[in-house]
Amino acid sequence: MTENIKVYINLVPNPTWTEGSNLPVYVGPKNPNAPEGKNWTVGVKMPDGSWYNQAAFASKDESGGLTIVLTPSGSTAKPAGGFQQKSFAAKPTYDKTNTGFNKF
């Protein structure tokens, strides 16, 4: 049986948008839990649990409309191709010969 998945995207007018700017026309709504002085917006939670930021730009084609863009949200974004673990193993050290300081 096919699972019925819906993703809802909430957009509000961008107060900083001006005609001809590269800013989105619509953005996610302001996050009420944002710390003082931070301009956080409410993101979109995807079915896999990851969070995305949403924005809408004026369409560049003749029909008008909007182009909706979803981008991974900061540190919670998953890298393409899955999780990549960084190695914290110590790097080997080598004697520095011919430095002039190893003379007896």
C-alpha atoms as a PDB file:
ATOM      1  CA  MET A   1       0.000   0.000   0.000  1.00  0.00           C
ATOM      2  CA  THR A   2       1.404   3.404  -0.959  1.00  0.00           C
ATOM      3  CA  GLU A   3       1.991   5.834   1.896  1.00  0.00           C
ATOM      4  CA  ASN A   4       0.330   9.215   1.449  1.00  0.00           C
ATOM      5  CA  ILE A   5       2.982  11.830   2.349  1.00  0.00           C
ATOM      6  CA  LYS A   6       2.254  15.546   2.431  1.00  0.00           C
ATOM      7  CA  VAL A   7       4.724  18.377   2.986  1.00  0.00           C
ATOM      8  CA  TYR A   8       3.203  21.729   3.923  1.00  0.00           C
ATOM      9  CA  ILE A   9       5.086  24.942   3.168  1.00  0.00           C
ATOM     10  CA  ASN A  10       4.074  28.175   4.896  1.00  0.00           C
ATOM     11  CA  LEU A  11       5.245  31.432   3.299  1.00  0.00           C
ATOM     12  CA  VAL A  12       4.746  35.067   4.311  1.00  0.00           C
ATOM     13  CA  PRO A  13       5.717  38.277   2.477  1.00  0.00           C
ATOM     14  CA  ASN A  14       9.401  39.169   2.935  1.00  0.00           C
ATOM     15  CA  PRO A  15       9.497  42.638   4.548  1.00  0.00           C
ATOM     16  CA  THR A  16      13.017  43.286   3.194  1.00  0.00           C
ATOM     17  CA  TRP A  17      12.194  42.458  -0.447  1.00  0.00           C
ATOM     18  CA  THR A  18      12.325  45.270  -3.001  1.00  0.00           C
ATOM     19  CA  GLU A  19      11.682  45.217  -6.732  1.00  0.00           C
ATOM     20  CA  GLY A  20      14.843  44.171  -8.593  1.00  0.00           C
ATOM     21  CA  SER A  21      16.593  42.759  -5.519  1.00  0.00           C
ATOM     22  CA  ASN A  22      17.904  39.196  -5.331  1.00  0.00           C
ATOM     23  CA  LEU A  23      15.948  38.620  -2.123  1.00  0.00           C
ATOM     24  CA  PRO A  24      13.009  36.197  -2.037  1.00  0.00           C
ATOM     25  CA  VAL A  25       9.523  37.677  -2.353  1.00  0.00           C
ATOM     26  CA  TYR A  26       8.201  35.276   0.316  1.00  0.00           C
ATOM     27  CA  VAL A  27       9.994  33.554   3.200  1.00  0.00           C
ATOM     28  CA  GLY A  28       9.137  31.304   6.109  1.00  0.00           C
ATOM     29  CA  PRO A  29       7.260  32.958   8.981  1.00  0.00           C
ATOM     30  CA  LYS A  30       9.235  34.434  11.892  1.00  0.00           C
ATOM     31  CA  ASN A  31      10.077  31.861  14.562  1.00  0.00           C
ATOM     32  CA  PRO A  32       8.488  32.984  17.853  1.00  0.00           C
ATOM     33  CA  ASN A  33      11.149  31.034  19.805  1.00  0.00           C
ATOM     34  CA  ALA A  34      14.079  32.923  18.249  1.00  0.00           C
ATOM     35  CA  PRO A  35      16.486  34.561  20.704  1.00  0.00           C
ATOM     36  CA  GLU A  36      16.387  38.355  20.948  1.00  0.00           C
ATOM     37  CA  GLY A  37      18.059  39.931  17.925  1.00  0.00           C
ATOM     38  CA  LYS A  38      18.016  36.733  15.814  1.00  0.00           C
ATOM     39  CA  ASN A  39      16.065  36.612  12.564  1.00  0.00           C
ATOM     40  CA  TRP A  40      15.067  32.942  12.619  1.00  0.00           C
ATOM     41  CA  THR A  41      12.231  31.584  10.520  1.00  0.00           C
ATOM     42  CA  VAL A  42      10.075  28.488  10.891  1.00  0.00           C
ATOM     43  CA  GLY A  43      11.320  25.753   8.573  1.00  0.00           C
ATOM     44  CA  VAL A  44       9.689  22.804   6.832  1.00  0.00           C
ATOM     45  CA  LYS A  45      10.005  19.360   8.422  1.00  0.00           C
ATOM     46  CA  MET A  46      10.430  16.668   5.779  1.00  0.00           C
ATOM     47  CA  PRO A  47       9.103  13.105   6.151  1.00  0.00           C
ATOM     48  CA  ASP A  48      12.640  11.818   6.895  1.00  0.00           C
ATOM     49  CA  GLY A  49      12.893  14.223   9.876  1.00  0.00           C
ATOM     50  CA  SER A  50      15.272  16.714   8.246  1.00  0.00           C
ATOM     51  CA  TRP A  51      14.510  20.439   8.266  1.00  0.00           C
ATOM     52  CA  TYR A  52      14.538  22.774   5.278  1.00  0.00           C
ATOM     53  CA  ASN A  53      14.227  26.545   4.872  1.00  0.00           C
ATOM     54  CA  GLN A  54      11.700  27.763   2.336  1.00  0.00           C
ATOM     55  CA  ALA A  55      11.653  30.816   0.099  1.00  0.00           C
ATOM     56  CA  ALA A  56       9.772  31.960  -2.984  1.00  0.00           C
ATOM     57  CA  PHE A  57      11.206  34.052  -5.793  1.00  0.00           C
ATOM     58  CA  ALA A  58       9.365  35.803  -8.595  1.00  0.00           C
ATOM     59  CA  SER A  59       9.302  33.471 -11.586  1.00  0.00           C
ATOM     60  CA  LYS A  60      11.544  34.467 -14.487  1.00  0.00           C
ATOM     61  CA  ASP A  61       9.233  33.098 -17.171  1.00  0.00           C
ATOM     62  CA  GLU A  62       6.443  34.988 -18.931  1.00  0.00           C
ATOM     63  CA  SER A  63       3.607  33.294 -17.054  1.00  0.00           C
ATOM     64  CA  GLY A  64       4.600  34.917 -13.754  1.00  0.00           C
ATOM     65  CA  GLY A  65       4.007  33.018 -10.552  1.00  0.00           C
ATOM     66  CA  LEU A  66       6.549  31.944  -7.965  1.00  0.00           C
ATOM     67  CA  THR A  67       9.511  29.601  -7.828  1.00  0.00           C
ATOM     68  CA  ILE A  68       9.652  27.820  -4.456  1.00  0.00           C
ATOM     69  CA  VAL A  69      13.113  26.875  -3.165  1.00  0.00           C
ATOM     70  CA  LEU A  70      13.820  24.455  -0.303  1.00  0.00           C
ATOM     71  CA  THR A  71      17.356  24.421   1.114  1.00  0.00           C
ATOM     72  CA  PRO A  72      18.746  22.261   3.944  1.00  0.00           C
ATOM     73  CA  SER A  73      18.571  24.046   7.278  1.00  0.00           C
ATOM     74  CA  GLY A  74      22.002  24.809   8.788  1.00  0.00           C
ATOM     75  CA  SER A  75      23.678  22.162  10.929  1.00  0.00           C
ATOM     76  CA  THR A  76      20.723  19.766  10.785  1.00  0.00           C
ATOM     77  CA  ALA A  77      21.146  19.336   7.039  1.00  0.00           C
ATOM     78  CA  LYS A  78      22.310  15.934   5.883  1.00  0.00           C
ATOM     79  CA  PRO A  79      25.204  15.892   3.406  1.00  0.00           C
ATOM     80  CA  ALA A  80      24.495  14.507  -0.044  1.00  0.00           C
ATOM     81  CA  GLY A  81      25.102  10.777  -0.166  1.00  0.00           C
ATOM     82  CA  GLY A  82      24.406  10.219   3.524  1.00  0.00           C
ATOM     83  CA  PHE A  83      26.374  10.706   6.705  1.00  0.00           C
ATOM     84  CA  GLN A  84      30.119  11.078   6.347  1.00  0.00           C
ATOM     85  CA  GLN A  85      32.119  10.506   9.514  1.00  0.00           C
ATOM     86  CA  LYS A  86      35.317  12.478   9.917  1.00  0.00           C
ATOM     87  CA  SER A  87      38.346  10.622  11.181  1.00  0.00           C
ATOM     88  CA  PHE A  88      39.861  11.887  14.412  1.00  0.00           C
ATOM     89  CA  ALA A  89      42.811   9.495  14.260  1.00  0.00           C
ATOM     90  CA  ALA A  90      46.207  11.004  15.002  1.00  0.00           C
ATOM     91  CA  LYS A  91      48.321  11.787  11.992  1.00  0.00           C
ATOM     92  CA  PRO A  92      51.742  10.096  11.873  1.00  0.00           C
ATOM     93  CA  THR A  93      54.718  12.293  12.738  1.00  0.00           C
ATOM     94  CA  TYR A  94      57.908  12.144  10.722  1.00  0.00           C
ATOM     95  CA  ASP A  95      61.419  13.236  11.611  1.00  0.00           C
ATOM     96  CA  LYS A  96      62.346  16.412   9.799  1.00  0.00           C
ATOM     97  CA  THR A  97      65.750  15.651   8.384  1.00  0.00           C
ATOM     98  CA  ASN A  98      67.974  18.207   6.701  1.00  0.00           C
ATOM     99  CA  THR A  99      66.562  21.095   8.718  1.00  0.00           C
ATOM    100  CA  GLY A 100      69.929  22.096  10.119  1.00  0.00           C
ATOM    101  CA  PHE A 101      68.809  21.520  13.683  1.00  0.00           C
ATOM    102  CA  ASN A 102      69.551  17.793  13.825  1.00  0.00           C
ATOM    103  CA  LYS A 103      73.347  18.137  13.627  1.00  0.00           C
ATOM    104  CA  PHE A 104      75.442  16.545  16.384  1.00  0.00           C
END
